[in-house]
Structures are given as C-alpha cells and as structure tokens.
Amino acid sequence: MDKKLSKLLNELYQLDPSLKAHDSLLRSVLGEILASRPEAQMDPAFYRDLRETLLSRIRERAEAQDSGFTTPRFSLFSRLAFPRLAYAFSGLAVVTGIAVLAHGLVPSSGLNIARIEPSAFGTLTFQSNGGEKGGGLGGGGETLWLPEVRTNYAFHYTGEALAGMDSVEVLKRVVPANAVKVKLDFDALDLDSLGQMEAAYTNLQPADGDGYTVNYDPNSKSISLNEFHTSSPECPWGLCTDWDTSALTVENVPSDEELIAVSDAFFEEIGLDRSTLTTPYVNDYFIGEGSEVDYILSVTYPFEMDGKPVYTSWGGQAGVTVSIDAHRMKVIGANWIYASQNFESSSYPGASAEEVLAMAGQGGVTPAQWENPTEVVNLDLGTPTLIYSQIQNYTEFGTYNDLYAPAYLFPILNDTEDLYYGDFIVVPLVEELVMNSPPNILY
C-alpha cells in the first residue's frame, strides 16, 4: 500500500505542485482511502479526477477558513458526480476522507451543520404498515369492497450503472426549546412551579385582529401563516366576508410573474430568510382551454440543501408554499417555513446498489400493492440524480422528527399516458430505510 500511496502522491504533485503544501493531510486521507479499497485501479483518468476533486475541496476549505469556519464534511459522493472515482472506490466518499481534519460540518448554502456521533438519531423508520395487509378496504379481516381494476406497478431500471454508499450523512433540524418566545403570567397559579415548559403546537394571533395567525409545529420545526379572520356571534368561524370567491377563467389568471411578485413582496415584509430557497414556480391548477380555475393560486419556493434539491419520500419537491387570493392579489397563507437553519449531522450505514435498485423496483418507500392485481403496468426508470429526501421519522410516543437523508431521484421514462401518480421514484441511500420498507399490501 505504501508504494501505491507514494505513486499516487507523486502523480498528484506532478499534476499540481501546489498540492505539496497539503502533503501531511493527503498522506493521511489517501492512506485511509487506499486501506479501505486496496483494489482501486490507478490510471491517468483516476488521478485526473481525484486531483480535480481534491483541489475543489481544498479551495472550499480555504474559503471557509477565510470566513471563520472549518472544512465541510460531506459524504454524498456518487458515481453520477465523479464516475471514474466511484468505480474505483465502489462508492467510498473521497470528500469524506478529505475532511478528516475537520471538526464538524459548516454553514453551506445558508445551513449551519454540526457533526455528532454516528447513528445519533436512533432507529430510522417511516410511519407505515409496510408488509402488512391493509389500506382501509375492510375491517376485522373482512373485505368490504374491491375495485374492479386493481393495478400494480413494476419499475425496471434502464439507466447507467450505479454505485452504492458505504455511509451517508443524515441531517436533523435543531431548534432551541424556546423557538417560540411567549411570556405567560397567571394570577391563578405560579407557572414556574411546574418546572421548565416549552411551546407545543403554538398558535399565535394578531392582538388587533388584523394580520396573520402563526402556527408552530415542534415536530417538523416549521411555521405556517394564515390570514386572520375575526369571529363574531354572526360569524363564529370568522369566515363571513363579502370577498369575491368565484372561480377564474383561464383568461383572467394572473401571470406567473405577477403572482411571484406578490409572494416575494410578502416575504420581504415578514423578513423571511430565503437563503435555502431556490427559484419559485406557480403551481398549475388548470388543464386545457376554457376550464375554470380556483381563485386561490399557489407559488412554491423549492428547498435545497448543499446545492441539492429536497424531495418528499413520495417524489414531490419540498419547499415553502404560498397561497394567494387572485382576486385581491394578496397572500392568504404560507406553509413549511422552517424555524431554523441549524442542523445536526450523523452518519449511518449506506445502502448497496443492489438494495437501492430493489427498492426502486417496488416503487420507492412503502408503496401500496394489491395482493391480487388485475393488471401490472411496467415502467422504466432512468439514471437518477442525487438529492436529499425529507423523511418523517416517527417515535414511540407518536411524535416525529423531520430528517433529511441523501437519496436517488429516479425519473420515470415511459409513462406517456400518466398512468402512475408521480414522475419520480425516491430511494433513500440509508441501508436501514431501504431494508425496512416493504410494500403495503392491499387486499
């Protein structure tokens, strides 16, 4: 191994003599890599790709140090990003090794990430009856109703060869207990005598009756805003208004630019941190010419982490959604605004390529399948891209934590008639999630 290490370092220094300044770091890191994968093939293309990767990470480290931060520790290495290296290391993350010198993850794309011990978030699960019969079609073991057509979907991978992961970094959003600061004083009792308290599912409303309610969910660490309507004896639910709620015609739908301008102005007004949000888009609610359109339209600002988009486990893109009253051109609600950009990162064993493809073949995370289908539709999956998957990790107490795991996003290639409900299949790259997510069997 010493000869391989010396050969690799000499080649790297010939390609870029400036790398000699990092000799001790490179020897430590590359020694670890070669010890893990002694069968790696050393060819010119391998050195060239590795050099580019190392230079990129060293530049990032220098920039981070200039800003007062430490080096990122990042293990989302994939064949899609560095094909030759992935084949050589079979999924070992070069950048994870490079960051051996780092004390923790640092702000990246607006995120503040602190590295903690492996598997720190406990068992990773989905709330599901995966592998069990169910689906709400019967009770007490009795089948009440079955649709005449029962369709199962089988997915076949047709893309390029994939690499699995030795380990991946799972992120968890962290918010202090006093994320919602509310001072409560009671004459009837001494609240302090009950010990330390924290807000749970907090609901705030404007004192003057004009503005927005604020709802805080401590599980997802998210905030939602909704236009406030004052209640009265004549209108107990606060929804009695003379506002126009009629449907729009296609010709009267505001342009995307107008709707996005309304939501942008609202974000400016409330001082929303948009550092982790990307280019917004208007959700298309209407189909065809001459159809009616609901007067409430929505704009989505996709969420990203470390420059990678975030998707839900069922294939939808995660982000902040803003609802707009198109008649008044006013924001009436905003959901999935996260209360913090602080995260903890913990490593978990990664899934192999075979495990990933097996899960993709069944439709991703806990899909529903009929025990006795009347037809099976075969669909093709293309080469995936690397994303983060948002996972609701449920606890034994019925609460959950939103976690973010590296995942592959597989595009469905041949669903020309929109037979399947989505356009993508999401497969997390955490072995535990892949192996413990059997399909939900409908009977």
Protein backbone atom coordinates (compact mmCIF):
# COMPACT_ATOMS: atom_id res chain seq x y z
CA MET A 1 0.00 0.00 0.00
CA ASP A 2 2.93 2.37 0.70
CA LYS A 3 4.02 2.08 -2.93
CA LYS A 4 0.50 2.85 -4.15
CA LEU A 5 0.30 5.85 -1.86
CA SER A 6 3.68 7.20 -2.96
CA LYS A 7 2.83 6.66 -6.62
CA LEU A 8 -0.48 8.46 -6.25
CA LEU A 9 1.07 11.41 -4.40
CA ASN A 10 3.89 11.77 -6.93
CA GLU A 11 1.39 11.80 -9.78
CA LEU A 12 -0.72 14.40 -8.00
CA TYR A 13 2.29 16.62 -7.34
CA GLN A 14 3.32 16.39 -11.00
CA LEU A 15 -0.16 17.50 -11.99
CA ASP A 16 -0.15 20.35 -9.46
CA PRO A 17 2.97 21.12 -7.40
CA SER A 18 0.93 23.35 -5.05
CA LEU A 19 -0.58 20.20 -3.55
CA LYS A 20 2.72 19.55 -1.76
CA ALA A 21 1.67 22.16 0.78
CA HIS A 22 -1.00 19.69 1.91
CA ASP A 23 1.29 16.66 2.00
CA SER A 24 0.50 15.57 5.57
CA LEU A 25 -3.23 15.90 5.01
CA LEU A 26 -3.11 14.00 1.71
CA ARG A 27 -1.00 11.18 3.14
CA SER A 28 -3.43 10.69 6.00
CA VAL A 29 -6.53 10.83 3.86
CA LEU A 30 -5.30 8.83 0.87
CA GLY A 31 -3.77 6.23 3.17
CA GLU A 32 -7.22 5.74 4.69
CA ILE A 33 -8.82 5.51 1.24
CA LEU A 34 -6.32 3.01 -0.12
CA ALA A 35 -6.60 0.90 3.02
CA SER A 36 -10.34 0.78 2.50
CA ARG A 37 -10.13 -0.04 -1.20
CA PRO A 38 -6.76 -1.68 -1.98
CA GLU A 39 -8.15 -2.97 -5.27
CA ALA A 40 -8.65 0.55 -6.68
CA GLN A 41 -7.32 0.84 -10.24
CA MET A 42 -4.75 3.63 -10.69
CA ASP A 43 -4.94 5.05 -14.20
CA PRO A 44 -4.38 8.59 -15.56
CA ALA A 45 -8.08 9.35 -15.60
CA PHE A 46 -8.32 8.28 -11.96
CA TYR A 47 -5.55 10.68 -10.95
CA ARG A 48 -7.03 13.49 -13.01
CA ASP A 49 -10.47 13.18 -11.44
CA LEU A 50 -9.03 12.80 -7.96
CA ARG A 51 -6.84 15.86 -8.44
CA GLU A 52 -9.83 17.94 -9.51
CA THR A 53 -11.82 16.72 -6.52
CA LEU A 54 -9.02 17.44 -4.06
CA LEU A 55 -8.36 20.90 -5.48
CA SER A 56 -12.03 21.75 -5.27
CA ARG A 57 -12.27 20.70 -1.64
CA ILE A 58 -9.03 22.48 -0.71
CA ARG A 59 -10.36 25.68 -2.27
CA GLU A 60 -13.58 25.28 -0.29
CA ARG A 61 -11.53 24.80 2.87
CA ALA A 62 -9.54 27.97 2.21
CA GLU A 63 -12.69 29.98 1.57
CA ALA A 64 -14.31 28.57 4.71
CA GLN A 65 -11.31 29.45 6.84
CA ASP A 66 -11.35 33.00 5.45
CA SER A 67 -14.93 33.23 6.70
CA GLY A 68 -14.04 31.89 10.14
CA PHE A 69 -15.43 28.40 9.55
CA THR A 70 -13.93 24.92 9.31
CA THR A 71 -13.95 22.49 6.44
CA PRO A 72 -17.17 20.88 5.25
CA ARG A 73 -17.50 17.17 5.87
CA PHE A 74 -19.59 15.84 3.06
CA SER A 75 -20.23 12.21 2.13
CA LEU A 76 -22.71 12.47 -0.74
CA PHE A 77 -20.18 11.05 -3.17
CA SER A 78 -21.73 9.28 -6.13
CA ARG A 79 -20.87 7.83 -9.45
CA LEU A 80 -23.06 10.47 -11.03
CA ALA A 81 -20.77 13.24 -9.81
CA PHE A 82 -17.37 11.54 -10.18
CA PRO A 83 -17.83 8.43 -12.36
CA ARG A 84 -14.29 7.09 -12.52
CA LEU A 85 -13.63 7.62 -8.83
CA ALA A 86 -16.84 5.92 -7.89
CA TYR A 87 -15.95 2.85 -9.88
CA ALA A 88 -12.52 2.77 -8.27
CA PHE A 89 -13.77 3.18 -4.72
CA SER A 90 -17.16 1.48 -5.13
CA GLY A 91 -18.96 4.36 -3.51
CA LEU A 92 -16.39 5.46 -0.90
CA ALA A 93 -16.70 9.21 -0.46
CA VAL A 94 -13.39 10.88 -1.26
CA VAL A 95 -14.58 14.13 0.24
CA THR A 96 -15.47 12.38 3.49
CA GLY A 97 -11.87 11.25 3.75
CA ILE A 98 -10.54 14.68 2.84
CA ALA A 99 -12.45 16.16 5.75
CA VAL A 100 -10.72 14.03 8.38
CA LEU A 101 -9.11 17.27 9.58
CA ALA A 102 -12.48 18.96 10.06
CA HIS A 103 -14.07 19.41 13.47
CA GLY A 104 -17.58 19.41 12.05
CA LEU A 105 -19.81 20.45 9.21
CA VAL A 106 -20.04 24.14 8.48
CA PRO A 107 -22.54 26.57 7.01
CA SER A 108 -23.18 25.63 3.40
CA SER A 109 -25.87 27.21 1.27
CA GLY A 110 -27.12 29.03 4.33
CA LEU A 111 -27.11 25.99 6.62
CA ASN A 112 -25.33 25.62 9.95
CA ILE A 113 -24.43 21.97 10.46
CA ALA A 114 -22.75 20.37 13.46
CA ARG A 115 -21.42 16.82 13.23
CA ILE A 116 -22.33 14.46 16.06
CA GLU A 117 -21.74 10.75 16.79
CA PRO A 118 -22.83 8.03 14.31
CA SER A 119 -26.45 6.78 14.40
CA ALA A 120 -27.30 9.54 16.87
CA PHE A 121 -30.93 9.79 15.76
CA GLY A 122 -31.72 6.22 16.74
CA THR A 123 -33.70 3.82 14.58
CA LEU A 124 -34.79 5.33 11.28
CA THR A 125 -38.34 4.38 10.34
CA PHE A 126 -41.34 5.51 8.35
CA GLN A 127 -44.82 5.51 9.87
CA SER A 128 -46.23 2.68 7.84
CA ASN A 129 -47.86 -0.69 7.98
CA GLY A 130 -45.49 -1.79 5.26
CA GLY A 131 -45.60 -5.51 4.60
CA GLU A 132 -48.99 -5.85 6.25
CA LYS A 133 -52.37 -6.15 4.61
CA GLY A 134 -54.49 -3.07 4.91
CA GLY A 135 -55.41 0.03 3.01
CA GLY A 136 -58.74 0.73 4.68
CA LEU A 137 -60.79 -1.57 2.48
CA GLY A 138 -62.01 -3.88 5.19
CA GLY A 139 -62.31 -4.39 8.93
CA GLY A 140 -61.99 -7.35 11.22
CA GLY A 141 -60.32 -9.40 8.50
CA GLU A 142 -63.32 -8.88 6.24
CA THR A 143 -63.07 -7.48 2.70
CA LEU A 144 -65.79 -4.87 2.22
CA TRP A 145 -65.07 -3.69 -1.29
CA LEU A 146 -62.56 -4.22 -4.07
CA PRO A 147 -62.28 -2.06 -7.18
CA GLU A 148 -62.86 -3.84 -10.44
CA VAL A 149 -59.47 -2.76 -11.76
CA ARG A 150 -56.56 -3.29 -9.36
CA THR A 151 -53.28 -2.03 -10.81
CA ASN A 152 -49.79 -2.78 -9.56
CA TYR A 153 -46.71 -1.06 -10.94
CA ALA A 154 -43.35 -2.68 -11.61
CA PHE A 155 -40.33 -0.44 -12.22
CA HIS A 156 -37.34 -1.54 -14.28
CA TYR A 157 -34.05 0.29 -14.17
CA THR A 158 -32.61 1.12 -17.60
CA GLY A 159 -30.01 3.73 -16.67
CA GLU A 160 -26.27 3.68 -16.15
CA ALA A 161 -24.51 1.51 -13.60
CA LEU A 162 -24.89 2.79 -10.04
CA ALA A 163 -22.63 2.82 -7.02
CA GLY A 164 -23.89 2.25 -3.52
CA MET A 165 -22.72 4.09 -0.42
CA ASP A 166 -20.52 2.88 2.43
CA SER A 167 -22.01 5.55 4.69
CA VAL A 168 -24.15 8.65 4.37
CA GLU A 169 -24.79 11.72 6.48
CA VAL A 170 -28.35 12.16 7.76
CA LEU A 171 -29.37 15.65 8.87
CA LYS A 172 -31.81 16.70 11.57
CA ARG A 173 -33.10 20.22 12.05
CA VAL A 174 -32.39 21.56 15.53
CA VAL A 175 -34.39 24.31 17.21
CA PRO A 176 -33.97 25.51 20.81
CA ALA A 177 -36.80 24.77 23.21
CA ASN A 178 -37.72 28.45 23.27
CA ALA A 179 -38.07 28.71 19.48
CA VAL A 180 -41.38 30.45 20.11
CA LYS A 181 -40.82 33.00 22.85
CA VAL A 182 -44.06 33.72 24.69
CA LYS A 183 -44.22 35.25 28.16
CA LEU A 184 -47.16 33.97 30.21
CA ASP A 185 -48.18 35.44 33.56
CA PHE A 186 -51.07 33.92 35.53
CA ASP A 187 -52.65 35.30 38.69
CA ALA A 188 -54.27 31.94 39.44
CA LEU A 189 -51.04 29.95 39.74
CA ASP A 190 -47.28 30.16 39.69
CA LEU A 191 -46.36 28.76 36.29
CA ASP A 192 -42.67 28.49 37.27
CA SER A 193 -43.61 25.96 39.95
CA LEU A 194 -44.45 23.43 37.20
CA GLY A 195 -40.86 23.30 36.02
CA GLN A 196 -39.39 24.12 32.64
CA MET A 197 -42.05 24.38 29.95
CA GLU A 198 -41.82 24.63 26.20
CA ALA A 199 -44.25 25.52 23.47
CA ALA A 200 -46.00 22.70 21.61
CA TYR A 201 -48.17 23.34 18.55
CA THR A 202 -48.21 27.01 19.40
CA ASN A 203 -50.87 29.23 17.83
CA LEU A 204 -50.50 33.00 17.87
CA GLN A 205 -52.91 35.57 16.51
CA PRO A 206 -52.68 39.34 15.99
CA ALA A 207 -53.75 41.32 19.03
CA ASP A 208 -55.52 43.97 16.94
CA GLY A 209 -57.39 41.39 14.86
CA ASP A 210 -55.66 42.30 11.62
CA GLY A 211 -52.91 40.24 10.05
CA TYR A 212 -51.91 36.59 10.14
CA THR A 213 -52.05 33.76 12.62
CA VAL A 214 -48.77 32.00 13.32
CA ASN A 215 -48.75 28.24 13.92
CA TYR A 216 -45.61 26.48 15.08
CA ASP A 217 -45.18 22.68 14.77
CA PRO A 218 -42.35 21.46 17.05
CA ASN A 219 -42.15 18.10 15.25
CA SER A 220 -41.27 19.44 11.82
CA LYS A 221 -39.78 22.64 13.29
CA SER A 222 -41.97 24.53 10.82
CA ILE A 223 -44.18 27.60 10.84
CA SER A 224 -47.35 28.27 8.90
CA LEU A 225 -49.06 31.63 8.44
CA ASN A 226 -52.75 32.15 7.65
CA GLU A 227 -54.77 35.28 7.13
CA PHE A 228 -56.68 36.06 10.32
CA HIS A 229 -60.47 36.49 10.27
CA THR A 230 -62.19 37.93 13.33
CA SER A 231 -65.06 35.84 14.66
CA SER A 232 -68.35 37.22 15.93
CA PRO A 233 -71.76 35.86 17.07
CA GLU A 234 -72.96 36.22 13.50
CA CYS A 235 -69.82 34.64 12.11
CA PRO A 236 -68.42 32.21 14.73
CA TRP A 237 -65.70 30.81 12.49
CA GLY A 238 -64.51 34.17 11.20
CA LEU A 239 -65.14 33.36 7.56
CA CYS A 240 -68.08 35.65 6.77
CA THR A 241 -66.85 38.16 4.20
CA ASP A 242 -68.09 39.76 1.05
CA TRP A 243 -64.87 38.94 -0.79
CA ASP A 244 -65.16 37.52 -4.27
CA THR A 245 -64.61 33.75 -4.16
CA SER A 246 -65.74 32.98 -7.68
CA ALA A 247 -63.69 30.82 -9.98
CA LEU A 248 -61.38 32.38 -12.52
CA THR A 249 -61.36 31.78 -16.23
CA VAL A 250 -58.09 30.93 -17.95
CA GLU A 251 -58.02 34.42 -19.48
CA ASN A 252 -58.24 36.08 -16.04
CA VAL A 253 -55.49 34.10 -14.33
CA PRO A 254 -52.67 36.45 -13.27
CA SER A 255 -49.32 35.84 -14.89
CA ASP A 256 -46.65 33.83 -13.10
CA GLU A 257 -44.58 37.00 -12.77
CA GLU A 258 -47.44 38.84 -11.04
CA LEU A 259 -48.10 36.03 -8.58
CA ILE A 260 -44.42 35.58 -7.74
CA ALA A 261 -44.08 39.35 -7.23
CA VAL A 262 -46.91 39.20 -4.65
CA SER A 263 -45.27 36.37 -2.72
CA ASP A 264 -41.80 37.98 -2.96
CA ALA A 265 -43.17 41.21 -1.50
CA PHE A 266 -44.79 39.25 1.33
CA PHE A 267 -41.50 37.56 2.17
CA GLU A 268 -39.79 40.94 2.23
CA GLU A 269 -42.46 42.23 4.60
CA ILE A 270 -42.04 39.39 7.11
CA GLY A 271 -38.25 39.27 6.76
CA LEU A 272 -38.09 35.64 5.64
CA ASP A 273 -34.64 34.10 5.31
CA ARG A 274 -34.62 32.75 1.75
CA SER A 275 -31.02 31.53 1.69
CA THR A 276 -32.09 27.87 1.32
CA LEU A 277 -34.90 28.53 -1.18
CA THR A 278 -34.43 28.42 -4.93
CA THR A 279 -36.31 29.82 -7.94
CA PRO A 280 -40.09 29.86 -7.29
CA TYR A 281 -42.71 28.49 -9.64
CA VAL A 282 -46.50 28.78 -9.88
CA ASN A 283 -48.43 25.54 -9.36
CA ASP A 284 -50.58 24.86 -12.41
CA TYR A 285 -54.13 24.17 -11.28
CA PHE A 286 -55.90 24.19 -14.61
CA ILE A 287 -55.90 21.92 -17.63
CA GLY A 288 -56.94 22.86 -21.14
CA GLU A 289 -58.62 25.92 -22.64
CA GLY A 290 -61.86 27.31 -21.27
CA SER A 291 -61.68 25.49 -17.94
CA GLU A 292 -62.36 27.20 -14.63
CA VAL A 293 -59.58 27.89 -12.16
CA ASP A 294 -59.85 28.16 -8.39
CA TYR A 295 -59.31 31.73 -7.25
CA ILE A 296 -56.71 30.59 -4.72
CA LEU A 297 -53.42 30.03 -6.54
CA SER A 298 -50.10 28.97 -5.06
CA VAL A 299 -46.42 29.63 -5.54
CA THR A 300 -43.77 27.14 -4.37
CA TYR A 301 -40.21 28.05 -3.41
CA PRO A 302 -38.22 24.78 -3.61
CA PHE A 303 -35.95 23.96 -0.72
CA GLU A 304 -32.35 22.85 -1.22
CA MET A 305 -29.52 21.66 1.00
CA ASP A 306 -25.86 21.85 0.00
CA GLY A 307 -26.97 22.79 -3.50
CA LYS A 308 -29.18 19.69 -3.88
CA PRO A 309 -32.98 19.77 -4.13
CA VAL A 310 -35.10 18.27 -1.36
CA TYR A 311 -37.93 15.87 -2.21
CA THR A 312 -40.52 14.15 -0.08
CA SER A 313 -40.32 10.37 0.16
CA TRP A 314 -43.19 10.04 -2.33
CA GLY A 315 -41.50 12.13 -5.03
CA GLY A 316 -42.82 15.66 -4.59
CA GLN A 317 -40.46 18.59 -4.30
CA ALA A 318 -40.34 20.07 -0.80
CA GLY A 319 -40.49 23.80 -0.27
CA VAL A 320 -42.37 26.78 1.09
CA THR A 321 -45.84 27.09 -0.45
CA VAL A 322 -47.57 30.47 -0.61
CA SER A 323 -51.34 30.71 -1.22
CA ILE A 324 -52.62 33.83 -2.98
CA ASP A 325 -56.14 35.18 -3.37
CA ALA A 326 -56.07 36.04 -7.08
CA HIS A 327 -58.99 38.47 -6.81
CA ARG A 328 -57.34 40.58 -4.10
CA MET A 329 -53.78 39.65 -5.15
CA LYS A 330 -52.94 39.07 -1.51
CA VAL A 331 -51.14 36.30 0.33
CA ILE A 332 -53.62 34.39 2.50
CA GLY A 333 -51.29 31.66 3.72
CA ALA A 334 -47.73 30.32 3.73
CA ASN A 335 -46.73 26.82 4.83
CA TRP A 336 -43.49 24.93 5.59
CA ILE A 337 -41.48 27.91 6.68
CA TYR A 338 -38.75 26.37 8.81
CA ALA A 339 -37.97 27.95 12.15
CA SER A 340 -34.24 27.32 11.97
CA GLN A 341 -31.34 26.68 9.62
CA ASN A 342 -29.39 24.78 12.30
CA PHE A 343 -28.78 21.06 11.77
CA GLU A 344 -27.05 18.11 13.33
CA SER A 345 -25.38 15.55 11.07
CA SER A 346 -24.95 11.87 11.94
CA SER A 347 -23.50 9.10 9.80
CA TYR A 348 -25.46 5.92 9.05
CA PRO A 349 -24.54 2.82 7.02
CA GLY A 350 -25.28 3.33 3.36
CA ALA A 351 -27.25 1.10 1.00
CA SER A 352 -25.68 -1.01 -1.72
CA ALA A 353 -26.54 -0.52 -5.39
CA GLU A 354 -28.48 -3.80 -5.34
CA GLU A 355 -30.56 -2.69 -2.34
CA VAL A 356 -31.26 0.67 -3.94
CA LEU A 357 -32.42 -0.88 -7.22
CA ALA A 358 -34.60 -3.43 -5.41
CA MET A 359 -36.40 -0.62 -3.61
CA ALA A 360 -36.73 1.40 -6.81
CA GLY A 361 -38.26 -1.65 -8.49
CA GLN A 362 -41.09 -1.78 -5.95
CA GLY A 363 -41.83 1.94 -6.33
CA GLY A 364 -39.76 3.55 -3.60
CA VAL A 365 -40.71 3.95 0.03
CA THR A 366 -43.63 1.74 1.21
CA PRO A 367 -45.72 1.75 -1.97
CA ALA A 368 -49.20 0.22 -1.96
CA GLN A 369 -49.58 -3.01 -3.93
CA TRP A 370 -52.60 -5.24 -4.44
CA GLU A 371 -52.33 -8.82 -3.28
CA ASN A 372 -54.36 -9.92 -6.30
CA PRO A 373 -53.94 -7.29 -9.02
CA THR A 374 -55.94 -7.41 -12.23
CA GLU A 375 -53.08 -5.84 -14.17
CA VAL A 376 -49.41 -4.96 -13.82
CA VAL A 377 -48.02 -1.87 -15.55
CA ASN A 378 -44.31 -1.95 -16.35
CA LEU A 379 -42.47 1.37 -16.26
CA ASP A 380 -38.83 2.23 -16.94
CA LEU A 381 -36.57 4.23 -14.63
CA GLY A 382 -33.69 6.34 -15.91
CA THR A 383 -30.36 7.28 -14.35
CA PRO A 384 -31.02 9.06 -11.05
CA THR A 385 -29.74 12.31 -9.66
CA LEU A 386 -28.51 12.82 -6.12
CA ILE A 387 -30.91 14.68 -3.81
CA TYR A 388 -31.97 14.91 -0.19
CA SER A 389 -35.13 13.09 0.85
CA GLN A 390 -37.26 14.57 3.62
CA ILE A 391 -38.26 11.78 6.00
CA GLN A 392 -40.73 11.89 8.86
CA ASN A 393 -39.07 9.67 11.43
CA TYR A 394 -41.74 8.62 13.95
CA THR A 395 -41.02 7.96 17.60
CA GLU A 396 -42.62 5.56 20.05
CA PHE A 397 -44.53 8.50 21.54
CA GLY A 398 -46.41 9.26 18.33
CA THR A 399 -44.34 12.34 17.52
CA TYR A 400 -41.87 12.61 14.69
CA ASN A 401 -38.73 14.38 13.60
CA ASP A 402 -38.08 15.61 10.10
CA LEU A 403 -34.81 14.10 8.90
CA TYR A 404 -33.01 14.68 5.63
CA ALA A 405 -31.21 11.75 4.03
CA PRO A 406 -29.21 11.50 0.80
CA ALA A 407 -31.32 9.78 -1.85
CA TYR A 408 -31.50 8.91 -5.51
CA LEU A 409 -34.26 10.52 -7.59
CA PHE A 410 -35.19 8.14 -10.43
CA PRO A 411 -37.14 9.66 -13.35
CA ILE A 412 -39.97 7.56 -14.83
CA LEU A 413 -39.22 7.49 -18.54
CA ASN A 414 -42.12 5.93 -20.42
CA ASP A 415 -45.30 6.92 -18.60
CA THR A 416 -46.65 8.76 -21.65
CA GLU A 417 -50.29 8.29 -20.58
CA ASP A 418 -49.71 9.42 -16.97
CA LEU A 419 -50.70 6.03 -15.59
CA TYR A 420 -48.63 6.50 -12.44
CA TYR A 421 -49.43 9.30 -9.99
CA GLY A 422 -45.90 10.72 -9.91
CA ASP A 423 -42.97 11.45 -12.20
CA PHE A 424 -40.18 10.19 -9.93
CA ILE A 425 -39.24 7.39 -7.56
CA VAL A 426 -37.26 8.40 -4.48
CA VAL A 427 -34.95 5.89 -2.80
CA PRO A 428 -33.02 6.96 0.33
CA LEU A 429 -29.41 5.82 0.45
CA VAL A 430 -29.61 4.75 4.09
CA GLU A 431 -29.44 0.96 4.41
CA GLU A 432 -31.82 0.87 7.37
CA LEU A 433 -34.57 2.70 5.49
CA VAL A 434 -34.15 0.65 2.34
CA MET A 435 -34.21 -2.69 4.12
CA ASN A 436 -37.11 -1.89 6.46
CA SER A 437 -39.61 -0.51 3.95
CA PRO A 438 -41.58 -3.41 2.45
CA PRO A 439 -44.64 -2.58 0.32
CA ASN A 440 -48.04 -2.04 1.89
CA ILE A 441 -50.20 -4.92 0.67
CA LEU A 442 -53.79 -4.10 -0.22
CA TYR A 443 -56.32 -6.92 -0.20
